[in-house]
Amino acid sequence: MLELENISFYHRTYRVFYKSEKQILSHISLKIESGRNYAIMGNSGCGKSTLAQIMCGILSPSLDELGQVGQVRFNGKALHLNELSQRRNFYSQVQMLFQDSISSLNPRFSCYENILEPFLYLGAGQRKEQIDKRIVELCQKLGLPKDILGKSVAMISGGEAQRICLIRALLLNPRNLILDESLSGLDYELCDEVLAFLREWQGESRASVVLITHDEKIALRFCEKVYLLEVGKLNTI
């Protein structure tokens, strides 16, 4: 289980003669339980992506106005990512897909190499034949031709890149999947197909999915719990 407790975040700008400060998140608490879907909605710039990055350890919470700092917990323990072993353990179980999928891929690698790279660092206990079979299977389920694996990133569309990033994340069999506007570049029909696949995958894995979106229809259709992030506060819809 992934848990946020009393999370605040400030964007601070320091200059020679002054300091500016803007509060992005204010005292947010949230429990992400296994096997459930969560949506976090809000206008552009409200802090949705900031919250997602705190969930997966990319950003750290800020001190609040009382000088206290919130905590991210994973499986009941405070999240610490100082050691390589800690990062490997956490990111093998928590994966995040970013909105800009093209920038998330290495342009020097083929799609296959991009998919395989994190598995080489985080995966264990599977033979290459099993991995390749799983990659092809995921391509088929997500409507991608097998020959896309040999293509460079420059040769694929944004929608294809988003699905390549999804395959890369799912190859690790994560317990928590965070999608930061990752479906926004897909047309309605393809988005429905991806959501249907995620439901199937989730039914088998009992993983949790956190969907960061501004699309209320998708949020209400896919998620059991929907939250609105507004003025730094997270409220249930």
Protein backbone atom coordinates (compact mmCIF):
# COMPACT_ATOMS: atom_id res chain seq x y z
CA MET A 1 0.00 0.00 0.00
CA LEU A 2 1.17 3.50 -0.88
CA GLU A 3 0.22 6.18 1.63
CA LEU A 4 0.60 9.95 1.79
CA GLU A 5 0.30 11.68 5.15
CA ASN A 6 0.03 15.45 5.59
CA ILE A 7 1.87 16.29 2.37
CA SER A 8 2.59 19.95 1.59
CA PHE A 9 4.68 21.34 -1.22
CA TYR A 10 5.94 24.85 -1.97
CA HIS A 11 7.50 26.17 -5.14
CA ARG A 12 10.25 28.47 -3.92
CA THR A 13 12.30 30.88 -6.01
CA TYR A 14 15.42 32.42 -4.53
CA ARG A 15 17.06 35.61 -5.77
CA VAL A 16 19.86 37.75 -4.36
CA PHE A 17 17.56 40.18 -2.57
CA TYR A 18 14.27 38.30 -2.21
CA LYS A 19 12.53 34.95 -2.01
CA SER A 20 9.17 34.11 -3.57
CA GLU A 21 7.04 31.23 -2.39
CA LYS A 22 3.90 29.62 -3.78
CA GLN A 23 2.06 26.79 -2.06
CA ILE A 24 1.14 24.01 -4.48
CA LEU A 25 -0.10 21.30 -2.08
CA SER A 26 -1.51 21.76 1.40
CA HIS A 27 -1.74 18.97 4.01
CA ILE A 28 -2.79 16.17 1.67
CA SER A 29 -3.38 12.65 2.99
CA LEU A 30 -4.28 9.69 0.77
CA LYS A 31 -4.18 5.89 0.96
CA ILE A 32 -3.67 3.88 -2.24
CA GLU A 33 -4.91 0.35 -1.56
CA SER A 34 -4.15 -2.74 -3.64
CA GLY A 35 -6.58 -3.63 -6.38
CA ARG A 36 -8.32 -0.26 -6.52
CA ASN A 37 -8.44 2.57 -9.05
CA TYR A 38 -8.05 6.21 -8.08
CA ALA A 39 -8.43 9.36 -10.16
CA ILE A 40 -6.98 12.75 -9.30
CA MET A 41 -8.55 15.55 -11.31
CA GLY A 42 -7.91 19.27 -11.50
CA ASN A 43 -7.16 22.18 -13.78
CA SER A 44 -3.78 22.62 -15.45
CA GLY A 45 -1.18 23.88 -12.99
CA CYS A 46 -3.11 22.80 -9.89
CA GLY A 47 -0.35 20.43 -8.73
CA LYS A 48 -1.56 17.04 -9.99
CA SER A 49 1.80 16.11 -11.51
CA THR A 50 3.63 17.41 -8.45
CA LEU A 51 1.54 15.11 -6.25
CA ALA A 52 2.20 12.16 -8.57
CA GLN A 53 5.95 12.79 -8.46
CA ILE A 54 5.86 12.90 -4.66
CA MET A 55 4.01 9.56 -4.67
CA CYS A 56 6.81 7.92 -6.62
CA GLY A 57 9.71 9.57 -4.84
CA ILE A 58 10.84 11.96 -7.57
CA LEU A 59 10.02 15.00 -5.42
CA SER A 60 10.14 15.32 -1.64
CA PRO A 61 7.45 17.03 0.47
CA SER A 62 8.17 20.55 1.74
CA LEU A 63 8.16 21.80 5.29
CA ASP A 64 4.73 23.22 6.09
CA GLU A 65 3.98 26.49 7.88
CA LEU A 66 4.60 24.80 11.24
CA GLY A 67 8.00 23.47 10.18
CA GLN A 68 6.73 19.89 9.87
CA VAL A 69 7.20 17.65 6.87
CA GLY A 70 4.71 15.09 5.60
CA GLN A 71 5.56 11.48 4.94
CA VAL A 72 5.24 8.99 2.11
CA ARG A 73 4.90 5.39 3.29
CA PHE A 74 5.17 2.22 1.26
CA ASN A 75 3.91 -1.06 2.70
CA GLY A 76 3.66 0.59 6.11
CA LYS A 77 7.21 1.95 6.20
CA ALA A 78 8.51 5.47 5.59
CA LEU A 79 9.83 5.79 2.05
CA HIS A 80 13.62 6.12 1.84
CA LEU A 81 15.38 6.01 -1.52
CA ASN A 82 18.93 6.86 -0.51
CA GLU A 83 20.38 3.43 -1.25
CA LEU A 84 20.44 1.72 -4.64
CA SER A 85 18.79 -1.38 -3.16
CA GLN A 86 15.95 0.77 -1.78
CA ARG A 87 15.36 2.41 -5.17
CA ARG A 88 15.41 -0.92 -6.98
CA ASN A 89 12.92 -2.45 -4.57
CA PHE A 90 10.56 0.54 -4.74
CA TYR A 91 10.64 1.12 -8.49
CA SER A 92 10.18 -2.56 -9.26
CA GLN A 93 6.80 -2.18 -7.52
CA VAL A 94 5.83 1.42 -8.31
CA GLN A 95 5.88 2.67 -11.89
CA MET A 96 4.86 6.06 -13.28
CA LEU A 97 4.00 7.02 -16.85
CA PHE A 98 4.56 10.65 -17.77
CA GLN A 99 2.45 12.82 -20.04
CA ASP A 100 5.27 13.43 -22.53
CA SER A 101 5.87 9.86 -23.60
CA ILE A 102 8.28 10.72 -26.42
CA SER A 103 10.66 12.45 -24.00
CA SER A 104 10.42 9.43 -21.69
CA LEU A 105 12.05 7.24 -24.33
CA ASN A 106 15.72 7.17 -25.29
CA PRO A 107 15.96 8.36 -28.93
CA ARG A 108 19.13 6.34 -29.47
CA PHE A 109 17.36 3.07 -28.63
CA SER A 110 14.82 1.05 -30.56
CA CYS A 111 11.38 0.59 -29.01
CA TYR A 112 12.42 -2.90 -27.91
CA GLU A 113 15.56 -1.59 -26.21
CA ASN A 114 13.53 1.12 -24.47
CA ILE A 115 11.08 -1.46 -23.15
CA LEU A 116 13.82 -3.80 -21.98
CA GLU A 117 16.19 -1.28 -20.36
CA PRO A 118 14.50 -0.83 -16.93
CA PHE A 119 13.86 -4.56 -16.71
CA LEU A 120 17.60 -5.21 -16.95
CA TYR A 121 18.09 -3.11 -13.80
CA LEU A 122 14.94 -3.93 -11.86
CA GLY A 123 13.66 -7.28 -13.09
CA ALA A 124 14.91 -10.64 -11.92
CA GLY A 125 14.23 -14.32 -12.20
CA GLN A 126 12.97 -14.47 -15.80
CA ARG A 127 14.65 -15.80 -18.89
CA LYS A 128 14.99 -13.64 -21.99
CA GLU A 129 12.66 -15.93 -23.94
CA GLN A 130 9.94 -15.38 -21.35
CA ILE A 131 10.48 -11.62 -21.41
CA ASP A 132 10.33 -11.43 -25.21
CA LYS A 133 7.15 -13.50 -25.26
CA ARG A 134 5.54 -11.17 -22.72
CA ILE A 135 6.55 -8.08 -24.72
CA VAL A 136 4.97 -9.45 -27.91
CA GLU A 137 1.85 -10.43 -25.96
CA LEU A 138 1.51 -6.92 -24.52
CA CYS A 139 1.99 -5.38 -27.97
CA GLN A 140 -0.85 -7.50 -29.34
CA LYS A 141 -3.19 -6.61 -26.49
CA LEU A 142 -2.47 -2.91 -26.88
CA GLY A 143 -2.92 -2.91 -30.64
CA LEU A 144 0.72 -2.49 -31.64
CA PRO A 145 2.28 -4.47 -34.51
CA LYS A 146 5.23 -6.68 -33.64
CA ASP A 147 7.52 -4.87 -36.07
CA ILE A 148 7.25 -1.65 -34.04
CA LEU A 149 9.77 -3.16 -31.63
CA GLY A 150 12.56 -2.68 -34.17
CA LYS A 151 11.67 0.94 -34.93
CA SER A 152 13.41 3.97 -33.51
CA VAL A 153 11.49 6.43 -31.33
CA ALA A 154 11.55 9.00 -34.15
CA MET A 155 9.50 6.64 -36.34
CA ILE A 156 6.50 6.21 -34.02
CA SER A 157 3.53 8.43 -33.15
CA GLY A 158 2.74 9.92 -29.75
CA GLY A 159 -0.04 7.38 -29.17
CA GLU A 160 2.31 4.52 -30.01
CA ALA A 161 4.96 5.98 -27.69
CA GLN A 162 2.45 6.09 -24.84
CA ARG A 163 1.68 2.41 -25.30
CA ILE A 164 5.39 1.55 -25.53
CA CYS A 165 5.88 3.31 -22.18
CA LEU A 166 2.94 1.37 -20.74
CA ILE A 167 4.42 -1.94 -21.90
CA ARG A 168 7.75 -0.97 -20.35
CA ALA A 169 6.06 -0.31 -17.00
CA LEU A 170 3.86 -3.42 -17.04
CA LEU A 171 6.78 -5.70 -17.89
CA LEU A 172 7.93 -5.23 -14.29
CA ASN A 173 4.55 -6.37 -12.90
CA PRO A 174 4.29 -3.33 -10.59
CA ARG A 175 2.00 -3.26 -7.57
CA ASN A 176 1.20 0.42 -8.16
CA LEU A 177 0.83 2.14 -11.53
CA ILE A 178 0.61 5.95 -11.76
CA LEU A 179 -0.58 7.44 -15.06
CA ASP A 180 0.12 11.18 -15.30
CA GLU A 181 -2.14 12.32 -18.16
CA SER A 182 -0.80 9.31 -20.04
CA LEU A 183 -4.05 8.71 -21.93
CA SER A 184 -4.55 12.29 -23.08
CA GLY A 185 -2.95 11.76 -26.49
CA LEU A 186 -5.14 8.78 -27.41
CA ASP A 187 -8.36 9.02 -29.40
CA TYR A 188 -11.58 7.98 -27.67
CA GLU A 189 -11.73 4.46 -29.14
CA LEU A 190 -8.08 3.66 -28.40
CA CYS A 191 -8.38 5.11 -24.90
CA ASP A 192 -11.30 2.76 -24.23
CA GLU A 193 -9.23 -0.19 -25.45
CA VAL A 194 -6.32 0.72 -23.17
CA LEU A 195 -8.65 1.15 -20.17
CA ALA A 196 -10.26 -2.23 -20.90
CA PHE A 197 -6.82 -3.82 -21.03
CA LEU A 198 -5.83 -2.16 -17.74
CA ARG A 199 -8.96 -3.57 -16.08
CA GLU A 200 -8.02 -7.04 -17.31
CA TRP A 201 -4.42 -6.64 -16.15
CA GLN A 202 -5.53 -5.30 -12.79
CA GLY A 203 -7.92 -8.19 -12.27
CA GLU A 204 -5.00 -10.59 -12.67
CA SER A 205 -2.39 -8.62 -10.73
CA ARG A 206 -4.51 -6.93 -8.02
CA ALA A 207 -2.38 -3.83 -8.52
CA SER A 208 -3.59 -0.29 -7.87
CA VAL A 209 -3.89 2.37 -10.57
CA VAL A 210 -3.71 6.12 -9.97
CA LEU A 211 -5.03 8.09 -12.93
CA ILE A 212 -4.04 11.75 -13.14
CA THR A 213 -6.47 13.36 -15.57
CA HIS A 214 -8.63 16.35 -16.41
CA ASP A 215 -11.21 14.15 -18.18
CA GLU A 216 -14.12 13.58 -15.80
CA LYS A 217 -15.77 10.97 -18.04
CA ILE A 218 -12.68 8.75 -18.02
CA ALA A 219 -12.19 9.24 -14.29
CA LEU A 220 -15.76 8.30 -13.37
CA ARG A 221 -15.86 5.37 -15.80
CA PHE A 222 -12.60 3.76 -14.72
CA CYS A 223 -12.06 4.67 -11.06
CA GLU A 224 -13.86 3.79 -7.83
CA LYS A 225 -12.52 6.86 -6.05
CA VAL A 226 -12.28 10.26 -7.72
CA TYR A 227 -10.58 13.26 -6.12
CA LEU A 228 -10.44 16.91 -7.12
CA LEU A 229 -7.24 18.84 -6.46
CA GLU A 230 -8.06 22.51 -6.06
CA VAL A 231 -6.22 25.35 -4.30
CA GLY A 232 -3.77 22.78 -2.92
CA LYS A 233 -6.48 20.67 -1.27
CA LEU A 234 -7.60 17.17 -2.24
CA ASN A 235 -11.35 16.55 -1.95
CA THR A 236 -13.52 13.55 -2.82
CA ILE A 237 -15.99 13.98 -5.68
